[in-house]
Amino acid sequence: MSLKVVELLLPTFLMDESMRPMVMTGAFMSICAIVLFTVIKLRSSSYNLANGISVNTKASLKEFLYAIYEDND
């Protein structure tokens, strides 16, 4: 049943027996790329605040502003 659905979705030349290794390789690489993209996106978003500013940027800016304030006292 599921093979029939795949046959309907893909062009006929991709369902040829000689193309099966390339189709499987392409599907595997696509799944890996989607997983990698998701992991990278989740890791990068954990370092940002709700407004999109990086936690490190906020800390650096705070230290910079304190240094300016202390120099002008």
PDB file of N, CA and C in Angstrom:
ATOM      1  N   MET A   1       0.816  -1.193   0.000  1.00  0.00           N
ATOM      2  CA  MET A   1       0.000   0.000   0.000  1.00  0.00           C
ATOM      3  C   MET A   1       0.866   1.265   0.000  1.00  0.00           C
ATOM      4  N   SER A   2       1.864   1.337   0.907  1.00  0.00           N
ATOM      5  CA  SER A   2       2.696   2.541   0.981  1.00  0.00           C
ATOM      6  C   SER A   2       3.567   2.689  -0.260  1.00  0.00           C
ATOM      7  N   LEU A   3       3.966   1.586  -0.876  1.00  0.00           N
ATOM      8  CA  LEU A   3       4.756   1.656  -2.111  1.00  0.00           C
ATOM      9  C   LEU A   3       3.936   2.254  -3.238  1.00  0.00           C
ATOM     10  N   LYS A   4       2.647   1.963  -3.272  1.00  0.00           N
ATOM     11  CA  LYS A   4       1.761   2.545  -4.285  1.00  0.00           C
ATOM     12  C   LYS A   4       1.685   4.064  -4.124  1.00  0.00           C
ATOM     13  N   VAL A   5       1.622   4.534  -2.888  1.00  0.00           N
ATOM     14  CA  VAL A   5       1.567   5.973  -2.628  1.00  0.00           C
ATOM     15  C   VAL A   5       2.853   6.634  -3.094  1.00  0.00           C
ATOM     16  N   VAL A   6       3.985   6.007  -2.809  1.00  0.00           N
ATOM     17  CA  VAL A   6       5.272   6.553  -3.232  1.00  0.00           C
ATOM     18  C   VAL A   6       5.357   6.565  -4.745  1.00  0.00           C
ATOM     19  N   GLU A   7       4.863   5.523  -5.395  1.00  0.00           N
ATOM     20  CA  GLU A   7       4.876   5.470  -6.861  1.00  0.00           C
ATOM     21  C   GLU A   7       4.042   6.591  -7.458  1.00  0.00           C
ATOM     22  N   LEU A   8       2.960   6.968  -6.803  1.00  0.00           N
ATOM     23  CA  LEU A   8       2.121   8.053  -7.301  1.00  0.00           C
ATOM     24  C   LEU A   8       2.776   9.411  -7.096  1.00  0.00           C
ATOM     25  N   LEU A   9       3.563   9.556  -6.040  1.00  0.00           N
ATOM     26  CA  LEU A   9       4.181  10.845  -5.738  1.00  0.00           C
ATOM     27  C   LEU A   9       5.436  11.116  -6.563  1.00  0.00           C
ATOM     28  N   LEU A  10       6.199  10.086  -6.841  1.00  0.00           N
ATOM     29  CA  LEU A  10       7.472  10.251  -7.548  1.00  0.00           C
ATOM     30  C   LEU A  10       7.306  10.010  -9.041  1.00  0.00           C
ATOM     31  N   PRO A  11       8.150  10.644  -9.848  1.00  0.00           N
ATOM     32  CA  PRO A  11       8.136  10.348 -11.279  1.00  0.00           C
ATOM     33  C   PRO A  11       8.491   8.872 -11.514  1.00  0.00           C
ATOM     34  N   THR A  12       8.028   8.339 -12.630  1.00  0.00           N
ATOM     35  CA  THR A  12       8.186   6.901 -12.895  1.00  0.00           C
ATOM     36  C   THR A  12       9.647   6.487 -13.010  1.00  0.00           C
ATOM     37  N   PHE A  13      10.523   7.338 -13.551  1.00  0.00           N
ATOM     38  CA  PHE A  13      11.917   6.934 -13.707  1.00  0.00           C
ATOM     39  C   PHE A  13      12.623   6.782 -12.356  1.00  0.00           C
ATOM     40  N   LEU A  14      12.118   7.447 -11.311  1.00  0.00           N
ATOM     41  CA  LEU A  14      12.733   7.294  -9.998  1.00  0.00           C
ATOM     42  C   LEU A  14      12.364   5.966  -9.336  1.00  0.00           C
ATOM     43  N   MET A  15      11.285   5.367  -9.773  1.00  0.00           N
ATOM     44  CA  MET A  15      10.869   4.087  -9.191  1.00  0.00           C
ATOM     45  C   MET A  15      11.527   2.907  -9.898  1.00  0.00           C
ATOM     46  N   ASP A  16      12.353   3.169 -10.889  1.00  0.00           N
ATOM     47  CA  ASP A  16      13.068   2.105 -11.586  1.00  0.00           C
ATOM     48  C   ASP A  16      14.034   1.422 -10.614  1.00  0.00           C
ATOM     49  N   GLU A  17      14.233   0.138 -10.810  1.00  0.00           N
ATOM     50  CA  GLU A  17      15.084  -0.650  -9.903  1.00  0.00           C
ATOM     51  C   GLU A  17      16.514  -0.105  -9.861  1.00  0.00           C
ATOM     52  N   SER A  18      17.014   0.415 -10.965  1.00  0.00           N
ATOM     53  CA  SER A  18      18.393   0.917 -11.001  1.00  0.00           C
ATOM     54  C   SER A  18      18.546   2.248 -10.259  1.00  0.00           C
ATOM     55  N   MET A  19      17.458   2.965 -10.060  1.00  0.00           N
ATOM     56  CA  MET A  19      17.503   4.259  -9.378  1.00  0.00           C
ATOM     57  C   MET A  19      17.278   4.141  -7.873  1.00  0.00           C
ATOM     58  N   ARG A  20      16.903   2.969  -7.399  1.00  0.00           N
ATOM     59  CA  ARG A  20      16.556   2.795  -5.987  1.00  0.00           C
ATOM     60  C   ARG A  20      17.687   3.194  -5.035  1.00  0.00           C
ATOM     61  N   PRO A  21      18.965   2.842  -5.298  1.00  0.00           N
ATOM     62  CA  PRO A  21      20.028   3.292  -4.374  1.00  0.00           C
ATOM     63  C   PRO A  21      20.150   4.822  -4.298  1.00  0.00           C
ATOM     64  N   MET A  22      19.974   5.480  -5.429  1.00  0.00           N
ATOM     65  CA  MET A  22      20.074   6.945  -5.431  1.00  0.00           C
ATOM     66  C   MET A  22      18.893   7.574  -4.691  1.00  0.00           C
ATOM     67  N   VAL A  23      17.714   6.996  -4.852  1.00  0.00           N
ATOM     68  CA  VAL A  23      16.536   7.521  -4.153  1.00  0.00           C
ATOM     69  C   VAL A  23      16.696   7.332  -2.650  1.00  0.00           C
ATOM     70  N   MET A  24      17.161   6.170  -2.244  1.00  0.00           N
ATOM     71  CA  MET A  24      17.350   5.914  -0.814  1.00  0.00           C
ATOM     72  C   MET A  24      18.430   6.820  -0.229  1.00  0.00           C
ATOM     73  N   THR A  25      19.511   7.029  -0.986  1.00  0.00           N
ATOM     74  CA  THR A  25      20.576   7.922  -0.525  1.00  0.00           C
ATOM     75  C   THR A  25      20.057   9.353  -0.399  1.00  0.00           C
ATOM     76  N   GLY A  26      19.306   9.799  -1.383  1.00  0.00           N
ATOM     77  CA  GLY A  26      18.730  11.145  -1.341  1.00  0.00           C
ATOM     78  C   GLY A  26      17.775  11.327  -0.176  1.00  0.00           C
ATOM     79  N   ALA A  27      16.954  10.318   0.092  1.00  0.00           N
ATOM     80  CA  ALA A  27      16.015  10.394   1.204  1.00  0.00           C
ATOM     81  C   ALA A  27      16.773  10.434   2.534  1.00  0.00           C
ATOM     82  N   PHE A  28      17.798   9.612   2.665  1.00  0.00           N
ATOM     83  CA  PHE A  28      18.593   9.597   3.891  1.00  0.00           C
ATOM     84  C   PHE A  28      19.290  10.932   4.116  1.00  0.00           C
ATOM     85  N   MET A  29      19.875  11.488   3.055  1.00  0.00           N
ATOM     86  CA  MET A  29      20.565  12.770   3.187  1.00  0.00           C
ATOM     87  C   MET A  29      19.582  13.898   3.508  1.00  0.00           C
ATOM     88  N   SER A  30      18.387  13.839   2.949  1.00  0.00           N
ATOM     89  CA  SER A  30      17.376  14.857   3.240  1.00  0.00           C
ATOM     90  C   SER A  30      16.954  14.807   4.701  1.00  0.00           C
ATOM     91  N   ILE A  31      16.740  13.604   5.213  1.00  0.00           N
ATOM     92  CA  ILE A  31      16.358  13.461   6.613  1.00  0.00           C
ATOM     93  C   ILE A  31      17.478  13.963   7.524  1.00  0.00           C
ATOM     94  N   CYS A  32      18.723  13.628   7.191  1.00  0.00           N
ATOM     95  CA  CYS A  32      19.864  14.103   7.993  1.00  0.00           C
ATOM     96  C   CYS A  32      19.953  15.624   7.970  1.00  0.00           C
ATOM     97  N   ALA A  33      19.726  16.228   6.805  1.00  0.00           N
ATOM     98  CA  ALA A  33      19.797  17.680   6.688  1.00  0.00           C
ATOM     99  C   ALA A  33      18.698  18.350   7.513  1.00  0.00           C
ATOM    100  N   ILE A  34      17.512  17.787   7.493  1.00  0.00           N
ATOM    101  CA  ILE A  34      16.405  18.359   8.271  1.00  0.00           C
ATOM    102  C   ILE A  34      16.697  18.269   9.762  1.00  0.00           C
ATOM    103  N   VAL A  35      17.206  17.132  10.210  1.00  0.00           N
ATOM    104  CA  VAL A  35      17.536  16.958  11.626  1.00  0.00           C
ATOM    105  C   VAL A  35      18.657  17.916  12.034  1.00  0.00           C
ATOM    106  N   LEU A  36      19.697  18.027  11.214  1.00  0.00           N
ATOM    107  CA  LEU A  36      20.815  18.920  11.508  1.00  0.00           C
ATOM    108  C   LEU A  36      20.358  20.374  11.571  1.00  0.00           C
ATOM    109  N   PHE A  37      19.533  20.786  10.617  1.00  0.00           N
ATOM    110  CA  PHE A  37      19.018  22.151  10.607  1.00  0.00           C
ATOM    111  C   PHE A  37      18.204  22.425  11.871  1.00  0.00           C
ATOM    112  N   THR A  38      17.371  21.475  12.278  1.00  0.00           N
ATOM    113  CA  THR A  38      16.548  21.644  13.473  1.00  0.00           C
ATOM    114  C   THR A  38      17.404  21.759  14.727  1.00  0.00           C
ATOM    115  N   VAL A  39      18.422  20.923  14.838  1.00  0.00           N
ATOM    116  CA  VAL A  39      19.303  20.970  16.011  1.00  0.00           C
ATOM    117  C   VAL A  39      20.044  22.299  16.069  1.00  0.00           C
ATOM    118  N   ILE A  40      20.574  22.743  14.945  1.00  0.00           N
ATOM    119  CA  ILE A  40      21.303  24.020  14.911  1.00  0.00           C
ATOM    120  C   ILE A  40      20.368  25.173  15.254  1.00  0.00           C
ATOM    121  N   LYS A  41      19.170  25.157  14.719  1.00  0.00           N
ATOM    122  CA  LYS A  41      18.210  26.234  14.977  1.00  0.00           C
ATOM    123  C   LYS A  41      17.805  26.271  16.452  1.00  0.00           C
ATOM    124  N   LEU A  42      17.598  25.101  17.059  1.00  0.00           N
ATOM    125  CA  LEU A  42      17.222  25.065  18.465  1.00  0.00           C
ATOM    126  C   LEU A  42      18.362  25.518  19.373  1.00  0.00           C
ATOM    127  N   ARG A  43      19.581  25.139  19.046  1.00  0.00           N
ATOM    128  CA  ARG A  43      20.725  25.557  19.866  1.00  0.00           C
ATOM    129  C   ARG A  43      20.968  27.051  19.774  1.00  0.00           C
ATOM    130  N   SER A  44      20.837  27.618  18.589  1.00  0.00           N
ATOM    131  CA  SER A  44      21.098  29.049  18.439  1.00  0.00           C
ATOM    132  C   SER A  44      20.002  29.879  19.091  1.00  0.00           C
ATOM    133  N   SER A  45      18.788  29.388  19.105  1.00  0.00           N
ATOM    134  CA  SER A  45      17.709  30.161  19.707  1.00  0.00           C
ATOM    135  C   SER A  45      17.771  30.134  21.231  1.00  0.00           C
ATOM    136  N   SER A  46      18.453  29.157  21.809  1.00  0.00           N
ATOM    137  CA  SER A  46      18.537  29.096  23.264  1.00  0.00           C
ATOM    138  C   SER A  46      19.474  30.169  23.823  1.00  0.00           C
ATOM    139  N   TYR A  47      20.306  30.767  22.991  1.00  0.00           N
ATOM    140  CA  TYR A  47      21.221  31.809  23.437  1.00  0.00           C
ATOM    141  C   TYR A  47      20.643  33.205  23.215  1.00  0.00           C
ATOM    142  N   ASN A  48      19.439  33.282  22.679  1.00  0.00           N
ATOM    143  CA  ASN A  48      18.822  34.576  22.421  1.00  0.00           C
ATOM    144  C   ASN A  48      17.704  34.830  23.415  1.00  0.00           C
ATOM    145  N   LEU A  49      17.508  36.093  23.745  1.00  0.00           N
ATOM    146  CA  LEU A  49      16.396  36.488  24.595  1.00  0.00           C
ATOM    147  C   LEU A  49      15.125  36.538  23.754  1.00  0.00           C
ATOM    148  N   ALA A  50      14.010  36.857  24.376  1.00  0.00           N
ATOM    149  CA  ALA A  50      12.727  36.884  23.679  1.00  0.00           C
ATOM    150  C   ALA A  50      12.705  37.917  22.552  1.00  0.00           C
ATOM    151  N   ASN A  51      13.455  39.012  22.711  1.00  0.00           N
ATOM    152  CA  ASN A  51      13.468  40.046  21.681  1.00  0.00           C
ATOM    153  C   ASN A  51      14.525  39.802  20.603  1.00  0.00           C
ATOM    154  N   GLY A  52      15.245  38.671  20.673  1.00  0.00           N
ATOM    155  CA  GLY A  52      16.206  38.320  19.637  1.00  0.00           C
ATOM    156  C   GLY A  52      17.629  38.742  19.937  1.00  0.00           C
ATOM    157  N   ILE A  53      17.869  39.439  21.030  1.00  0.00           N
ATOM    158  CA  ILE A  53      19.213  39.879  21.384  1.00  0.00           C
ATOM    159  C   ILE A  53      19.945  38.734  22.072  1.00  0.00           C
ATOM    160  N   SER A  54      21.179  38.530  21.686  1.00  0.00           N
ATOM    161  CA  SER A  54      21.991  37.475  22.282  1.00  0.00           C
ATOM    162  C   SER A  54      22.285  37.789  23.740  1.00  0.00           C
ATOM    163  N   VAL A  55      22.333  36.752  24.562  1.00  0.00           N
ATOM    164  CA  VAL A  55      22.640  36.923  25.980  1.00  0.00           C
ATOM    165  C   VAL A  55      24.033  37.516  26.139  1.00  0.00           C
ATOM    166  N   ASN A  56      24.984  37.066  25.338  1.00  0.00           N
ATOM    167  CA  ASN A  56      26.354  37.590  25.414  1.00  0.00           C
ATOM    168  C   ASN A  56      26.411  39.058  25.016  1.00  0.00           C
ATOM    169  N   THR A  57      25.638  39.456  24.022  1.00  0.00           N
ATOM    170  CA  THR A  57      25.615  40.848  23.589  1.00  0.00           C
ATOM    171  C   THR A  57      25.065  41.735  24.695  1.00  0.00           C
ATOM    172  N   LYS A  58      24.023  41.271  25.356  1.00  0.00           N
ATOM    173  CA  LYS A  58      23.432  42.058  26.430  1.00  0.00           C
ATOM    174  C   LYS A  58      24.429  42.253  27.562  1.00  0.00           C
ATOM    175  N   ALA A  59      25.139  41.205  27.936  1.00  0.00           N
ATOM    176  CA  ALA A  59      26.121  41.308  29.014  1.00  0.00           C
ATOM    177  C   ALA A  59      27.268  42.231  28.617  1.00  0.00           C
ATOM    178  N   SER A  60      27.734  42.137  27.386  1.00  0.00           N
ATOM    179  CA  SER A  60      28.823  42.996  26.919  1.00  0.00           C
ATOM    180  C   SER A  60      28.399  44.458  26.902  1.00  0.00           C
ATOM    181  N   LEU A  61      27.191  44.715  26.445  1.00  0.00           N
ATOM    182  CA  LEU A  61      26.698  46.088  26.398  1.00  0.00           C
ATOM    183  C   LEU A  61      26.553  46.657  27.805  1.00  0.00           C
ATOM    184  N   LYS A  62      26.105  45.833  28.734  1.00  0.00           N
ATOM    185  CA  LYS A  62      25.960  46.278  30.120  1.00  0.00           C
ATOM    186  C   LYS A  62      27.321  46.663  30.705  1.00  0.00           C
ATOM    187  N   GLU A  63      28.337  45.828  30.485  1.00  0.00           N
ATOM    188  CA  GLU A  63      29.683  46.140  30.971  1.00  0.00           C
ATOM    189  C   GLU A  63      30.227  47.404  30.315  1.00  0.00           C
ATOM    190  N   PHE A  64      29.978  47.582  29.040  1.00  0.00           N
ATOM    191  CA  PHE A  64      30.434  48.754  28.304  1.00  0.00           C
ATOM    192  C   PHE A  64      29.792  50.024  28.863  1.00  0.00           C
ATOM    193  N   LEU A  65      28.497  49.968  29.118  1.00  0.00           N
ATOM    194  CA  LEU A  65      27.810  51.142  29.655  1.00  0.00           C
ATOM    195  C   LEU A  65      28.272  51.472  31.069  1.00  0.00           C
ATOM    196  N   TYR A  66      28.526  50.452  31.887  1.00  0.00           N
ATOM    197  CA  TYR A  66      29.069  50.695  33.232  1.00  0.00           C
ATOM    198  C   TYR A  66      30.453  51.345  33.150  1.00  0.00           C
ATOM    199  N   ALA A  67      31.287  50.902  32.216  1.00  0.00           N
ATOM    200  CA  ALA A  67      32.626  51.480  32.055  1.00  0.00           C
ATOM    201  C   ALA A  67      32.529  52.946  31.639  1.00  0.00           C
ATOM    202  N   ILE A  68      31.625  53.267  30.745  1.00  0.00           N
ATOM    203  CA  ILE A  68      31.444  54.663  30.327  1.00  0.00           C
ATOM    204  C   ILE A  68      30.961  55.505  31.504  1.00  0.00           C
ATOM    205  N   TYR A  69      30.031  54.953  32.268  1.00  0.00           N
ATOM    206  CA  TYR A  69      29.505  55.693  33.429  1.00  0.00           C
ATOM    207  C   TYR A  69      30.602  55.963  34.453  1.00  0.00           C
ATOM    208  N   GLU A  70      31.447  54.963  34.732  1.00  0.00           N
ATOM    209  CA  GLU A  70      32.516  55.132  35.709  1.00  0.00           C
ATOM    210  C   GLU A  70      33.583  56.118  35.205  1.00  0.00           C
ATOM    211  N   ASP A  71      33.854  56.143  33.915  1.00  0.00           N
ATOM    212  CA  ASP A  71      34.848  57.069  33.365  1.00  0.00           C
ATOM    213  C   ASP A  71      34.362  58.507  33.422  1.00  0.00           C
ATOM    214  N   ASN A  72      33.068  58.718  33.365  1.00  0.00           N
ATOM    215  CA  ASN A  72      32.524  60.079  33.347  1.00  0.00           C
ATOM    216  C   ASN A  72      32.129  60.580  34.726  1.00  0.00           C
ATOM    217  N   ASP A  73      32.414  59.846  35.748  1.00  0.00           N
ATOM    218  CA  ASP A  73      32.113  60.302  37.103  1.00  0.00           C
ATOM    219  C   ASP A  73      33.101  61.286  37.616  1.00  0.00           C
TER     220      ASP A  73
END
